[in-house]
N, C-alpha and C. Protein backbone atom coordinates (compact mmCIF):
# COMPACT_ATOMS: atom_id res chain seq x y z
N MET A 1 -25.89 -25.65 40.79
CA MET A 1 -25.43 -26.97 40.35
C MET A 1 -24.02 -27.18 40.86
N ALA A 2 -23.81 -28.38 41.45
CA ALA A 2 -22.49 -28.70 42.00
C ALA A 2 -21.48 -28.87 40.87
N ILE A 3 -20.26 -28.36 41.10
CA ILE A 3 -19.21 -28.50 40.11
C ILE A 3 -18.61 -29.89 40.14
N ILE A 4 -18.50 -30.49 41.38
CA ILE A 4 -17.88 -31.80 41.54
C ILE A 4 -18.91 -32.77 42.12
N THR A 5 -18.99 -33.96 41.55
CA THR A 5 -19.77 -35.06 42.11
C THR A 5 -18.79 -36.00 42.82
N THR A 6 -18.93 -36.13 44.12
CA THR A 6 -17.98 -36.95 44.88
C THR A 6 -18.15 -38.42 44.57
N GLY A 7 -17.17 -39.19 44.94
CA GLY A 7 -17.21 -40.63 44.66
C GLY A 7 -17.96 -41.43 45.70
N GLN A 8 -18.48 -40.76 46.72
CA GLN A 8 -19.23 -41.44 47.76
C GLN A 8 -20.37 -40.56 48.23
N THR A 9 -21.43 -41.23 48.67
CA THR A 9 -22.53 -40.53 49.34
C THR A 9 -22.73 -41.21 50.69
N PHE A 10 -23.25 -40.45 51.62
CA PHE A 10 -23.46 -40.99 52.96
C PHE A 10 -24.91 -40.81 53.39
N THR A 11 -25.38 -41.82 54.14
CA THR A 11 -26.66 -41.65 54.83
C THR A 11 -26.37 -41.38 56.30
N ALA A 12 -27.41 -41.12 57.04
CA ALA A 12 -27.22 -40.75 58.45
C ALA A 12 -26.63 -41.86 59.27
N THR A 13 -26.80 -43.11 58.81
CA THR A 13 -26.33 -44.25 59.61
C THR A 13 -25.06 -44.88 59.07
N ASP A 14 -24.46 -44.31 57.95
CA ASP A 14 -23.26 -44.91 57.36
C ASP A 14 -22.06 -44.74 58.27
N THR A 15 -21.21 -45.74 58.22
CA THR A 15 -19.96 -45.68 58.96
C THR A 15 -18.90 -45.04 58.08
N VAL A 16 -18.20 -44.08 58.63
CA VAL A 16 -17.15 -43.41 57.87
C VAL A 16 -15.90 -44.26 57.93
N THR A 17 -15.43 -44.72 56.79
CA THR A 17 -14.21 -45.51 56.71
C THR A 17 -13.18 -44.76 55.89
N ASN A 18 -11.93 -45.21 56.04
CA ASN A 18 -10.88 -44.54 55.25
C ASN A 18 -11.07 -44.77 53.76
N THR A 19 -11.66 -45.92 53.36
CA THR A 19 -11.90 -46.19 51.94
C THR A 19 -12.93 -45.22 51.38
N LYS A 20 -14.01 -45.01 52.14
CA LYS A 20 -15.03 -44.09 51.67
C LYS A 20 -14.51 -42.66 51.59
N LEU A 21 -13.71 -42.30 52.59
CA LEU A 21 -13.14 -40.96 52.55
C LEU A 21 -12.22 -40.77 51.34
N GLN A 22 -11.44 -41.82 51.07
CA GLN A 22 -10.53 -41.72 49.92
C GLN A 22 -11.32 -41.68 48.61
N ASP A 23 -12.41 -42.41 48.52
CA ASP A 23 -13.22 -42.41 47.30
C ASP A 23 -13.89 -41.06 47.04
N ILE A 24 -14.12 -40.31 48.10
CA ILE A 24 -14.73 -39.00 47.91
C ILE A 24 -13.92 -38.18 46.91
N ALA A 25 -12.59 -38.28 47.00
CA ALA A 25 -11.73 -37.52 46.08
C ALA A 25 -11.35 -38.35 44.87
N ASP A 26 -10.90 -39.59 45.10
CA ASP A 26 -10.36 -40.38 43.98
C ASP A 26 -11.42 -40.73 42.94
N ALA A 27 -12.60 -40.95 43.32
CA ALA A 27 -13.67 -41.35 42.39
C ALA A 27 -14.56 -40.17 42.01
N ALA A 28 -14.17 -38.98 42.40
CA ALA A 28 -14.99 -37.80 42.09
C ALA A 28 -14.93 -37.49 40.60
N THR A 29 -15.97 -36.87 40.10
CA THR A 29 -16.03 -36.45 38.69
C THR A 29 -16.49 -35.00 38.62
N PHE A 30 -16.03 -34.31 37.58
CA PHE A 30 -16.45 -32.93 37.35
C PHE A 30 -17.78 -32.92 36.60
N ASN A 31 -18.66 -32.11 37.07
CA ASN A 31 -19.85 -31.82 36.28
C ASN A 31 -19.50 -30.72 35.28
N ASP A 32 -20.33 -30.55 34.27
CA ASP A 32 -20.11 -29.44 33.33
C ASP A 32 -20.18 -28.14 34.12
N PRO A 33 -19.08 -27.35 34.19
CA PRO A 33 -19.07 -26.16 35.04
C PRO A 33 -19.95 -25.04 34.52
N VAL A 34 -20.33 -25.11 33.27
CA VAL A 34 -21.21 -24.10 32.71
C VAL A 34 -22.28 -24.79 31.89
N ASP A 35 -22.90 -24.04 31.01
CA ASP A 35 -24.03 -24.59 30.27
C ASP A 35 -23.64 -25.02 28.86
N GLU A 36 -22.37 -25.48 28.68
CA GLU A 36 -21.87 -25.92 27.37
C GLU A 36 -21.89 -24.79 26.34
N THR A 37 -21.73 -23.54 26.82
CA THR A 37 -21.71 -22.40 25.91
C THR A 37 -20.30 -21.88 25.72
N THR A 38 -19.58 -21.73 26.83
CA THR A 38 -18.23 -21.16 26.74
C THR A 38 -17.14 -22.16 27.11
N LEU A 39 -17.36 -22.96 28.14
CA LEU A 39 -16.36 -23.93 28.58
C LEU A 39 -16.87 -25.34 28.42
N GLU A 40 -15.93 -26.26 28.31
CA GLU A 40 -16.29 -27.67 28.21
C GLU A 40 -15.22 -28.51 28.86
N LEU A 41 -15.59 -29.70 29.27
CA LEU A 41 -14.64 -30.65 29.84
C LEU A 41 -14.09 -31.50 28.72
N ILE A 42 -12.77 -31.47 28.55
CA ILE A 42 -12.14 -32.21 27.46
C ILE A 42 -12.14 -33.69 27.79
N ILE A 43 -12.61 -34.48 26.84
CA ILE A 43 -12.69 -35.94 27.01
C ILE A 43 -11.72 -36.59 26.03
N GLY A 44 -10.80 -37.39 26.54
CA GLY A 44 -9.86 -38.09 25.69
C GLY A 44 -8.67 -37.22 25.31
N GLY A 45 -7.58 -37.88 24.92
CA GLY A 45 -6.39 -37.15 24.50
C GLY A 45 -5.53 -36.74 25.67
N SER A 46 -4.46 -36.03 25.36
CA SER A 46 -3.50 -35.66 26.41
C SER A 46 -4.06 -34.64 27.38
N ASN A 47 -5.10 -33.93 26.98
CA ASN A 47 -5.70 -32.92 27.87
C ASN A 47 -7.01 -33.39 28.49
N ALA A 48 -7.25 -34.70 28.51
CA ALA A 48 -8.49 -35.25 29.05
C ALA A 48 -8.66 -34.82 30.50
N GLY A 49 -9.88 -34.43 30.82
CA GLY A 49 -10.19 -34.03 32.19
C GLY A 49 -9.94 -32.56 32.46
N LYS A 50 -9.38 -31.84 31.51
CA LYS A 50 -9.11 -30.42 31.71
C LYS A 50 -10.24 -29.58 31.10
N LEU A 51 -10.34 -28.38 31.63
CA LEU A 51 -11.33 -27.46 31.07
C LEU A 51 -10.77 -26.80 29.83
N GLY A 52 -11.61 -26.62 28.82
CA GLY A 52 -11.20 -25.96 27.59
C GLY A 52 -12.25 -24.97 27.13
N ILE A 53 -11.86 -24.04 26.29
CA ILE A 53 -12.79 -23.05 25.75
C ILE A 53 -13.44 -23.62 24.50
N LYS A 54 -14.75 -23.55 24.45
CA LYS A 54 -15.45 -24.03 23.27
C LYS A 54 -15.19 -23.09 22.09
N ASP A 55 -15.43 -23.61 20.88
CA ASP A 55 -15.18 -22.82 19.67
C ASP A 55 -15.92 -21.49 19.70
N ALA A 56 -17.14 -21.51 20.21
CA ALA A 56 -17.95 -20.29 20.25
C ALA A 56 -17.83 -19.57 21.59
N GLY A 57 -16.86 -19.97 22.39
CA GLY A 57 -16.74 -19.43 23.74
C GLY A 57 -16.14 -18.05 23.82
N VAL A 58 -15.39 -17.63 22.77
CA VAL A 58 -14.77 -16.30 22.77
C VAL A 58 -15.63 -15.37 21.93
N THR A 59 -16.15 -14.36 22.53
CA THR A 59 -16.98 -13.40 21.83
C THR A 59 -16.30 -12.04 21.79
N LYS A 60 -16.82 -11.17 20.93
CA LYS A 60 -16.25 -9.81 20.83
C LYS A 60 -16.32 -9.09 22.17
N ALA A 61 -17.37 -9.37 22.92
CA ALA A 61 -17.53 -8.70 24.21
C ALA A 61 -16.46 -9.10 25.21
N LYS A 62 -15.84 -10.29 25.02
CA LYS A 62 -14.83 -10.78 25.94
C LYS A 62 -13.43 -10.31 25.57
N ILE A 63 -13.28 -9.68 24.40
CA ILE A 63 -11.98 -9.18 23.98
C ILE A 63 -11.75 -7.80 24.59
N GLU A 64 -10.50 -7.49 24.85
CA GLU A 64 -10.16 -6.19 25.44
C GLU A 64 -10.76 -5.06 24.61
N ASN A 65 -11.21 -4.03 25.28
CA ASN A 65 -11.78 -2.87 24.57
C ASN A 65 -10.75 -2.30 23.61
N VAL A 66 -11.19 -1.95 22.39
CA VAL A 66 -10.31 -1.40 21.35
C VAL A 66 -10.62 0.08 21.20
N ALA A 67 -9.57 0.89 21.14
CA ALA A 67 -9.73 2.34 21.01
C ALA A 67 -10.40 2.70 19.69
N ASN A 68 -10.94 3.91 19.63
CA ASN A 68 -11.59 4.38 18.42
C ASN A 68 -10.61 4.43 17.25
N LEU A 69 -11.08 4.06 16.05
CA LEU A 69 -10.28 4.03 14.83
C LEU A 69 -9.05 3.14 15.00
N ARG A 70 -9.25 1.99 15.60
CA ARG A 70 -8.20 0.99 15.75
C ARG A 70 -8.79 -0.39 15.43
N VAL A 71 -7.97 -1.29 14.94
CA VAL A 71 -8.35 -2.69 14.77
C VAL A 71 -7.23 -3.54 15.34
N LEU A 72 -7.53 -4.78 15.67
CA LEU A 72 -6.50 -5.70 16.14
C LEU A 72 -5.83 -6.35 14.94
N GLY A 73 -4.52 -6.31 14.91
CA GLY A 73 -3.79 -6.89 13.78
C GLY A 73 -2.31 -6.90 14.06
N ASN A 74 -1.55 -7.04 13.01
CA ASN A 74 -0.09 -7.11 13.14
C ASN A 74 0.54 -6.51 11.89
N THR A 75 1.25 -5.40 12.06
CA THR A 75 1.97 -4.78 10.94
C THR A 75 3.46 -4.68 11.25
N SER A 76 3.94 -5.55 12.15
CA SER A 76 5.34 -5.45 12.60
C SER A 76 6.32 -6.06 11.61
N GLY A 77 5.84 -6.91 10.72
CA GLY A 77 6.75 -7.61 9.81
C GLY A 77 7.23 -8.94 10.35
N SER A 78 6.80 -9.31 11.56
CA SER A 78 7.18 -10.59 12.15
C SER A 78 5.99 -11.13 12.94
N VAL A 79 6.14 -12.33 13.50
CA VAL A 79 5.07 -12.96 14.25
C VAL A 79 5.05 -12.39 15.67
N VAL A 80 3.99 -11.71 16.03
CA VAL A 80 3.83 -11.15 17.38
C VAL A 80 2.38 -11.28 17.80
N ALA A 81 2.11 -10.97 19.06
CA ALA A 81 0.74 -10.99 19.56
C ALA A 81 -0.06 -9.87 18.87
N PRO A 82 -1.37 -10.05 18.71
CA PRO A 82 -2.18 -9.00 18.09
C PRO A 82 -2.02 -7.67 18.83
N GLN A 83 -2.06 -6.60 18.10
CA GLN A 83 -1.92 -5.28 18.67
C GLN A 83 -2.86 -4.33 17.96
N GLU A 84 -3.06 -3.15 18.53
CA GLU A 84 -3.95 -2.17 17.89
C GLU A 84 -3.25 -1.52 16.70
N VAL A 85 -3.94 -1.52 15.57
CA VAL A 85 -3.44 -0.88 14.35
C VAL A 85 -4.32 0.33 14.06
N GLU A 86 -3.70 1.48 13.82
CA GLU A 86 -4.45 2.72 13.62
C GLU A 86 -5.14 2.74 12.25
N ILE A 87 -6.36 3.26 12.23
CA ILE A 87 -7.09 3.50 11.00
C ILE A 87 -7.11 5.00 10.76
N LEU A 88 -6.52 5.46 9.67
CA LEU A 88 -6.42 6.89 9.39
C LEU A 88 -7.67 7.39 8.68
N ASP A 89 -8.14 8.55 9.08
CA ASP A 89 -9.22 9.23 8.38
C ASP A 89 -8.63 10.52 7.82
N ASP A 90 -7.87 10.37 6.74
CA ASP A 90 -7.09 11.48 6.17
C ASP A 90 -7.30 11.50 4.67
N ASP A 91 -8.10 12.44 4.20
CA ASP A 91 -8.43 12.50 2.78
C ASP A 91 -7.23 12.82 1.89
N THR A 92 -6.19 13.43 2.46
CA THR A 92 -5.00 13.79 1.68
C THR A 92 -3.95 12.69 1.69
N MET A 93 -4.07 11.72 2.59
CA MET A 93 -3.10 10.63 2.77
C MET A 93 -1.71 11.16 3.14
N ALA A 94 -1.64 12.37 3.65
CA ALA A 94 -0.35 12.95 4.01
C ALA A 94 0.27 12.25 5.21
N THR A 95 -0.56 11.62 6.05
CA THR A 95 -0.05 10.96 7.25
C THR A 95 0.11 9.45 7.06
N ALA A 96 -0.02 8.96 5.85
CA ALA A 96 0.04 7.52 5.59
C ALA A 96 1.44 6.97 5.87
N ASP A 97 1.48 5.74 6.38
CA ASP A 97 2.74 5.02 6.51
C ASP A 97 2.46 3.52 6.43
N ALA A 98 3.51 2.72 6.54
CA ALA A 98 3.39 1.28 6.30
C ALA A 98 2.70 0.54 7.44
N ALA A 99 2.46 1.20 8.58
CA ALA A 99 1.90 0.50 9.73
C ALA A 99 0.48 0.95 10.06
N THR A 100 -0.20 1.60 9.12
CA THR A 100 -1.56 2.06 9.37
C THR A 100 -2.49 1.63 8.24
N LEU A 101 -3.79 1.72 8.52
CA LEU A 101 -4.82 1.46 7.53
C LEU A 101 -5.51 2.79 7.22
N ALA A 102 -6.46 2.77 6.29
CA ALA A 102 -7.20 3.98 5.94
C ALA A 102 -8.67 3.65 5.81
N THR A 103 -9.52 4.63 6.12
CA THR A 103 -10.95 4.44 5.96
C THR A 103 -11.31 4.43 4.48
N SER A 104 -12.40 3.77 4.15
CA SER A 104 -12.83 3.73 2.76
C SER A 104 -13.18 5.12 2.26
N GLU A 105 -13.70 5.97 3.14
CA GLU A 105 -14.04 7.34 2.76
C GLU A 105 -12.79 8.12 2.35
N SER A 106 -11.70 7.93 3.12
CA SER A 106 -10.45 8.63 2.79
C SER A 106 -9.87 8.13 1.48
N ILE A 107 -9.91 6.82 1.27
CA ILE A 107 -9.38 6.25 0.04
C ILE A 107 -10.14 6.79 -1.16
N LYS A 108 -11.47 6.82 -1.05
CA LYS A 108 -12.28 7.35 -2.16
C LYS A 108 -11.99 8.82 -2.40
N ALA A 109 -11.92 9.62 -1.32
CA ALA A 109 -11.68 11.06 -1.47
C ALA A 109 -10.32 11.31 -2.11
N TYR A 110 -9.31 10.55 -1.69
CA TYR A 110 -7.96 10.75 -2.24
C TYR A 110 -7.92 10.33 -3.71
N THR A 111 -8.56 9.19 -4.02
CA THR A 111 -8.59 8.72 -5.41
C THR A 111 -9.34 9.69 -6.30
N ASP A 112 -10.48 10.18 -5.82
CA ASP A 112 -11.26 11.14 -6.61
C ASP A 112 -10.47 12.41 -6.87
N SER A 113 -9.68 12.84 -5.88
CA SER A 113 -8.93 14.08 -6.06
C SER A 113 -7.85 13.94 -7.10
N LYS A 114 -7.39 12.71 -7.32
CA LYS A 114 -6.33 12.50 -8.31
C LYS A 114 -6.89 12.26 -9.71
N THR A 115 -7.94 11.47 -9.78
CA THR A 115 -8.45 11.11 -11.11
C THR A 115 -9.24 12.25 -11.73
N SER A 116 -9.75 13.17 -10.91
CA SER A 116 -10.54 14.26 -11.47
C SER A 116 -9.71 15.50 -11.75
N ASP A 117 -8.45 15.50 -11.35
CA ASP A 117 -7.60 16.66 -11.58
C ASP A 117 -7.34 16.86 -13.06
N PRO A 118 -7.39 18.09 -13.54
CA PRO A 118 -6.90 18.34 -14.90
C PRO A 118 -5.38 18.24 -14.92
N ALA A 119 -4.81 18.25 -16.11
CA ALA A 119 -3.35 18.19 -16.21
C ALA A 119 -2.74 19.34 -15.43
N ARG A 120 -1.69 19.06 -14.67
CA ARG A 120 -1.03 20.08 -13.87
C ARG A 120 0.38 20.31 -14.40
N LEU A 121 0.79 21.55 -14.37
CA LEU A 121 2.13 21.89 -14.84
C LEU A 121 3.16 21.23 -13.94
N TYR A 122 4.06 20.45 -14.53
CA TYR A 122 5.11 19.77 -13.78
C TYR A 122 6.39 20.61 -13.80
N ASN A 123 6.77 21.09 -14.95
CA ASN A 123 7.88 22.03 -15.01
C ASN A 123 7.79 22.83 -16.31
N ASN A 124 8.45 23.92 -16.31
CA ASN A 124 8.51 24.77 -17.49
C ASN A 124 9.92 25.36 -17.52
N LEU A 125 10.80 24.69 -18.22
CA LEU A 125 12.23 24.98 -18.13
C LEU A 125 12.70 25.70 -19.38
N ALA A 126 12.74 27.00 -19.34
CA ALA A 126 13.22 27.78 -20.48
C ALA A 126 14.74 27.93 -20.42
N HIS A 127 15.38 27.78 -21.59
CA HIS A 127 16.84 27.93 -21.70
C HIS A 127 17.59 27.00 -20.74
N SER A 128 17.08 25.81 -20.52
CA SER A 128 17.71 24.99 -19.49
C SER A 128 18.03 23.57 -19.93
N THR A 129 17.69 23.21 -21.15
CA THR A 129 17.88 21.83 -21.58
C THR A 129 18.86 21.76 -22.74
N VAL A 130 19.89 20.96 -22.56
CA VAL A 130 20.85 20.74 -23.63
C VAL A 130 20.46 19.49 -24.41
N SER A 131 21.03 19.31 -25.58
CA SER A 131 20.70 18.15 -26.41
C SER A 131 21.04 16.87 -25.69
N ALA A 132 20.15 15.89 -25.79
CA ALA A 132 20.34 14.54 -25.27
C ALA A 132 20.38 14.48 -23.74
N ASN A 133 19.85 15.48 -23.07
CA ASN A 133 19.78 15.45 -21.62
C ASN A 133 18.70 14.46 -21.18
N ILE A 134 19.09 13.41 -20.43
CA ILE A 134 18.16 12.34 -20.03
C ILE A 134 17.46 12.74 -18.73
N GLN A 135 16.14 12.59 -18.72
CA GLN A 135 15.35 12.87 -17.53
C GLN A 135 14.39 11.72 -17.28
N GLN A 136 13.93 11.62 -16.03
CA GLN A 136 13.02 10.54 -15.66
C GLN A 136 11.70 11.11 -15.15
N ASN A 137 10.62 10.40 -15.48
CA ASN A 137 9.30 10.76 -14.98
C ASN A 137 9.08 10.07 -13.63
N THR A 138 9.21 10.80 -12.55
CA THR A 138 9.05 10.25 -11.20
C THR A 138 7.75 10.70 -10.55
N THR A 139 6.80 11.17 -11.33
CA THR A 139 5.55 11.69 -10.78
C THR A 139 4.58 10.61 -10.33
N GLY A 140 4.77 9.38 -10.82
CA GLY A 140 3.79 8.33 -10.56
C GLY A 140 2.60 8.37 -11.49
N ARG A 141 2.60 9.30 -12.43
CA ARG A 141 1.53 9.46 -13.41
C ARG A 141 2.16 9.62 -14.79
N PRO A 142 1.40 9.38 -15.87
CA PRO A 142 1.93 9.69 -17.20
C PRO A 142 2.25 11.17 -17.32
N LEU A 143 3.23 11.49 -18.12
CA LEU A 143 3.69 12.87 -18.25
C LEU A 143 3.67 13.28 -19.71
N TRP A 144 3.01 14.40 -19.99
CA TRP A 144 3.01 14.98 -21.33
C TRP A 144 4.13 16.00 -21.38
N VAL A 145 5.09 15.80 -22.31
CA VAL A 145 6.24 16.70 -22.39
C VAL A 145 6.31 17.33 -23.79
N SER A 146 6.77 18.56 -23.81
CA SER A 146 6.87 19.31 -25.05
C SER A 146 8.22 20.01 -25.10
N PHE A 147 8.85 19.97 -26.28
CA PHE A 147 10.15 20.60 -26.47
C PHE A 147 10.06 21.53 -27.67
N THR A 148 10.20 22.81 -27.41
CA THR A 148 10.17 23.81 -28.48
C THR A 148 11.57 24.39 -28.65
N PHE A 149 12.03 24.40 -29.92
CA PHE A 149 13.41 24.81 -30.22
C PHE A 149 13.38 25.94 -31.24
N TYR A 150 14.04 27.04 -30.92
CA TYR A 150 14.07 28.20 -31.81
C TYR A 150 15.51 28.65 -32.04
N THR A 151 15.86 28.91 -33.29
CA THR A 151 17.20 29.37 -33.62
C THR A 151 17.13 30.31 -34.83
N THR A 152 18.25 30.98 -35.13
CA THR A 152 18.28 31.93 -36.26
C THR A 152 18.65 31.25 -37.56
N ASP A 153 18.96 29.96 -37.52
CA ASP A 153 19.36 29.27 -38.75
C ASP A 153 18.71 27.90 -38.79
N ASN A 154 19.10 27.12 -39.79
CA ASN A 154 18.46 25.83 -40.02
C ASN A 154 18.51 24.92 -38.79
N ILE A 155 17.46 24.14 -38.62
CA ILE A 155 17.43 23.06 -37.63
C ILE A 155 17.50 21.76 -38.40
N ASP A 156 18.61 21.06 -38.26
CA ASP A 156 18.76 19.81 -39.00
C ASP A 156 17.78 18.75 -38.53
N PHE A 157 17.64 18.61 -37.21
CA PHE A 157 16.66 17.64 -36.69
C PHE A 157 16.35 17.94 -35.22
N LEU A 158 15.19 17.49 -34.82
CA LEU A 158 14.76 17.49 -33.42
C LEU A 158 14.06 16.16 -33.18
N ILE A 159 14.56 15.37 -32.25
CA ILE A 159 14.07 14.01 -32.03
C ILE A 159 13.68 13.86 -30.54
N GLY A 160 12.55 13.23 -30.29
CA GLY A 160 12.13 12.89 -28.94
C GLY A 160 12.08 11.38 -28.76
N GLU A 161 12.68 10.86 -27.66
CA GLU A 161 12.75 9.42 -27.43
C GLU A 161 12.38 9.11 -25.97
N ILE A 162 11.80 7.92 -25.75
CA ILE A 162 11.49 7.43 -24.40
C ILE A 162 12.08 6.03 -24.25
N SER A 163 12.34 5.64 -22.99
CA SER A 163 12.91 4.32 -22.73
C SER A 163 12.66 3.94 -21.28
N PRO A 164 12.51 2.64 -20.99
CA PRO A 164 12.39 2.21 -19.59
C PRO A 164 13.75 2.16 -18.89
N ASN A 165 14.81 2.38 -19.64
CA ASN A 165 16.16 2.25 -19.09
C ASN A 165 16.83 3.61 -18.94
N SER A 166 17.60 3.77 -17.86
CA SER A 166 18.20 5.06 -17.54
C SER A 166 19.26 5.48 -18.55
N ASN A 167 19.83 4.52 -19.28
CA ASN A 167 20.83 4.88 -20.31
C ASN A 167 20.19 5.01 -21.69
N MET A 168 18.85 4.99 -21.70
CA MET A 168 18.07 5.14 -22.94
C MET A 168 18.28 4.00 -23.92
N SER A 169 18.78 2.86 -23.44
CA SER A 169 18.85 1.70 -24.33
C SER A 169 17.44 1.17 -24.57
N SER A 170 17.25 0.49 -25.67
CA SER A 170 15.92 0.00 -26.07
C SER A 170 14.92 1.16 -26.13
N ASN A 171 15.39 2.29 -26.65
CA ASN A 171 14.52 3.46 -26.68
C ASN A 171 13.55 3.40 -27.86
N THR A 172 12.48 4.15 -27.72
CA THR A 172 11.47 4.29 -28.76
C THR A 172 11.43 5.75 -29.21
N ARG A 173 11.57 5.97 -30.50
CA ARG A 173 11.49 7.32 -31.04
C ARG A 173 10.02 7.69 -31.18
N VAL A 174 9.60 8.68 -30.43
CA VAL A 174 8.20 9.06 -30.38
C VAL A 174 7.90 10.23 -31.31
N GLY A 175 8.82 11.18 -31.40
CA GLY A 175 8.60 12.35 -32.24
C GLY A 175 9.86 12.75 -32.99
N GLN A 176 9.70 13.28 -34.19
CA GLN A 176 10.85 13.72 -34.98
C GLN A 176 10.43 14.88 -35.88
N SER A 177 11.31 15.88 -35.96
CA SER A 177 11.03 17.04 -36.80
C SER A 177 12.31 17.48 -37.48
N ARG A 178 12.20 17.87 -38.74
CA ARG A 178 13.36 18.36 -39.49
C ARG A 178 12.96 19.63 -40.24
N MET A 179 13.84 20.62 -40.24
CA MET A 179 13.60 21.86 -40.98
C MET A 179 14.92 22.29 -41.63
N ILE A 180 15.09 21.95 -42.88
CA ILE A 180 16.32 22.22 -43.60
C ILE A 180 16.00 23.06 -44.83
N ASP A 181 16.74 24.11 -45.02
CA ASP A 181 16.54 25.00 -46.18
C ASP A 181 17.91 25.27 -46.77
N THR A 182 18.03 25.16 -48.07
CA THR A 182 19.33 25.36 -48.73
C THR A 182 19.67 26.84 -48.84
N GLN A 183 18.70 27.69 -48.58
CA GLN A 183 18.95 29.12 -48.65
C GLN A 183 19.00 29.71 -47.25
N THR A 184 19.38 30.95 -47.19
CA THR A 184 19.50 31.61 -45.88
C THR A 184 18.14 31.67 -45.20
N VAL A 185 18.13 31.26 -43.95
CA VAL A 185 16.91 31.27 -43.14
C VAL A 185 17.17 32.16 -41.93
N ASP A 186 16.37 33.17 -41.78
CA ASP A 186 16.58 34.10 -40.67
C ASP A 186 16.14 33.51 -39.33
N ASN A 187 15.00 32.84 -39.34
CA ASN A 187 14.47 32.26 -38.10
C ASN A 187 13.91 30.87 -38.40
N CYS A 188 14.08 29.98 -37.43
CA CYS A 188 13.60 28.61 -37.62
C CYS A 188 13.19 28.07 -36.25
N ALA A 189 12.02 27.44 -36.19
CA ALA A 189 11.52 26.89 -34.93
C ALA A 189 10.78 25.59 -35.20
N THR A 190 10.84 24.70 -34.23
CA THR A 190 10.10 23.45 -34.36
C THR A 190 9.78 22.93 -32.96
N GLN A 191 8.83 22.00 -32.89
CA GLN A 191 8.38 21.48 -31.60
C GLN A 191 8.07 20.00 -31.72
N VAL A 192 8.39 19.23 -30.66
CA VAL A 192 8.04 17.81 -30.56
C VAL A 192 7.39 17.59 -29.20
N THR A 193 6.28 16.84 -29.18
CA THR A 193 5.61 16.49 -27.92
C THR A 193 5.46 14.98 -27.83
N MET A 194 5.34 14.47 -26.62
CA MET A 194 5.18 13.03 -26.44
C MET A 194 4.69 12.73 -25.02
N ILE A 195 4.19 11.51 -24.83
CA ILE A 195 3.74 11.03 -23.52
C ILE A 195 4.81 10.10 -22.96
N VAL A 196 5.21 10.35 -21.71
CA VAL A 196 6.22 9.53 -21.05
C VAL A 196 5.56 8.75 -19.92
N PRO A 197 5.58 7.40 -19.95
CA PRO A 197 4.98 6.62 -18.86
C PRO A 197 5.70 6.88 -17.53
N SER A 198 5.01 6.57 -16.45
CA SER A 198 5.60 6.74 -15.12
C SER A 198 6.87 5.91 -14.98
N GLN A 199 7.90 6.50 -14.40
CA GLN A 199 9.21 5.90 -14.13
C GLN A 199 10.05 5.69 -15.38
N TRP A 200 9.54 6.03 -16.55
CA TRP A 200 10.35 5.93 -17.77
C TRP A 200 11.24 7.17 -17.91
N TYR A 201 12.17 7.05 -18.84
CA TYR A 201 13.13 8.12 -19.11
C TYR A 201 12.85 8.72 -20.49
N TRP A 202 13.26 9.98 -20.66
CA TRP A 202 13.10 10.61 -21.97
C TRP A 202 14.25 11.57 -22.25
N ARG A 203 14.39 11.88 -23.52
CA ARG A 203 15.37 12.88 -23.93
C ARG A 203 14.96 13.48 -25.27
N PHE A 204 15.41 14.69 -25.50
CA PHE A 204 15.27 15.35 -26.79
C PHE A 204 16.68 15.60 -27.34
N GLU A 205 16.87 15.25 -28.60
CA GLU A 205 18.15 15.51 -29.27
C GLU A 205 17.91 16.45 -30.44
N TYR A 206 18.82 17.40 -30.62
CA TYR A 206 18.65 18.33 -31.73
C TYR A 206 20.00 18.72 -32.30
N LEU A 207 19.98 19.19 -33.54
CA LEU A 207 21.18 19.68 -34.21
C LEU A 207 20.78 20.87 -35.07
N SER A 208 21.55 21.95 -34.94
CA SER A 208 21.25 23.17 -35.69
C SER A 208 22.54 23.82 -36.14
N ASN A 209 22.45 24.61 -37.22
CA ASN A 209 23.62 25.35 -37.69
C ASN A 209 24.04 26.43 -36.70
N GLN A 210 23.09 26.87 -35.88
CA GLN A 210 23.37 27.92 -34.91
C GLN A 210 22.91 27.48 -33.52
N ALA A 211 23.48 28.09 -32.52
CA ALA A 211 23.04 27.81 -31.15
C ALA A 211 21.59 28.26 -30.98
N ALA A 212 20.90 27.59 -30.10
CA ALA A 212 19.50 27.92 -29.87
C ALA A 212 19.34 29.31 -29.31
N GLN A 213 18.36 30.02 -29.86
CA GLN A 213 17.99 31.31 -29.31
C GLN A 213 17.04 31.12 -28.12
N GLU A 214 16.25 30.09 -28.20
CA GLU A 214 15.32 29.81 -27.10
C GLU A 214 14.95 28.34 -27.11
N ILE A 215 14.92 27.78 -25.92
CA ILE A 215 14.46 26.41 -25.72
C ILE A 215 13.41 26.44 -24.61
N VAL A 216 12.26 25.90 -24.90
CA VAL A 216 11.22 25.79 -23.88
C VAL A 216 10.86 24.32 -23.72
N HIS A 217 11.13 23.79 -22.53
CA HIS A 217 10.88 22.38 -22.25
C HIS A 217 9.81 22.33 -21.17
N SER A 218 8.59 21.96 -21.55
CA SER A 218 7.47 21.96 -20.59
C SER A 218 6.93 20.54 -20.42
N SER A 219 6.37 20.28 -19.25
CA SER A 219 5.72 18.98 -19.02
C SER A 219 4.53 19.16 -18.10
N PHE A 220 3.50 18.31 -18.34
CA PHE A 220 2.28 18.36 -17.56
C PHE A 220 1.95 16.96 -17.06
N ILE A 221 1.56 16.86 -15.80
CA ILE A 221 1.14 15.58 -15.24
C ILE A 221 -0.27 15.27 -15.73
N LEU A 222 -0.49 14.10 -16.27
CA LEU A 222 -1.81 13.72 -16.77
C LEU A 222 -2.60 12.97 -15.70
């Protein structure tokens, strides 16, 4: 099929004139260069007479080959041309970063490994915590904490508090214990436990007639 239909036709006996020659080009029209599948001739508007790509003209087969475990996208943080974005197949998510994606299998495996874990020991700090020492739960999970206090004399009080604020303002008293005896007490011990939400702060405060013989401050990730 001819791409261009000229503005003139000739028979064997026609006389060639400059007008006819000029009409061959000036009055010529484009035929549809394809079968109306990929390209079309634009009619009307500022692009009239130009070739354009039809809506269904771009197929996956016409796009540049994409490497394995890659998709076309943009993770640059600004407007740029599409680029290959890596898809990670990493069940531990150790290689994760802000410019990659993850397979659904990896996401499920990583999630399952976290939700099915039993409580794990976060710390076990013997003889290491003073009264009112503020700490933060940075595990990303709820934290179960326990404070055991042992001394040779009375324990006036042991208090456990949590707060969303680093200075413990707007705190909530979660646990409290008192052991007071008017007579001589050779040994005295008490314990307070509580749950600390992720990113919250906590502290234990205590007062005793004698210095602590032993302090055990333990926490487990839930």
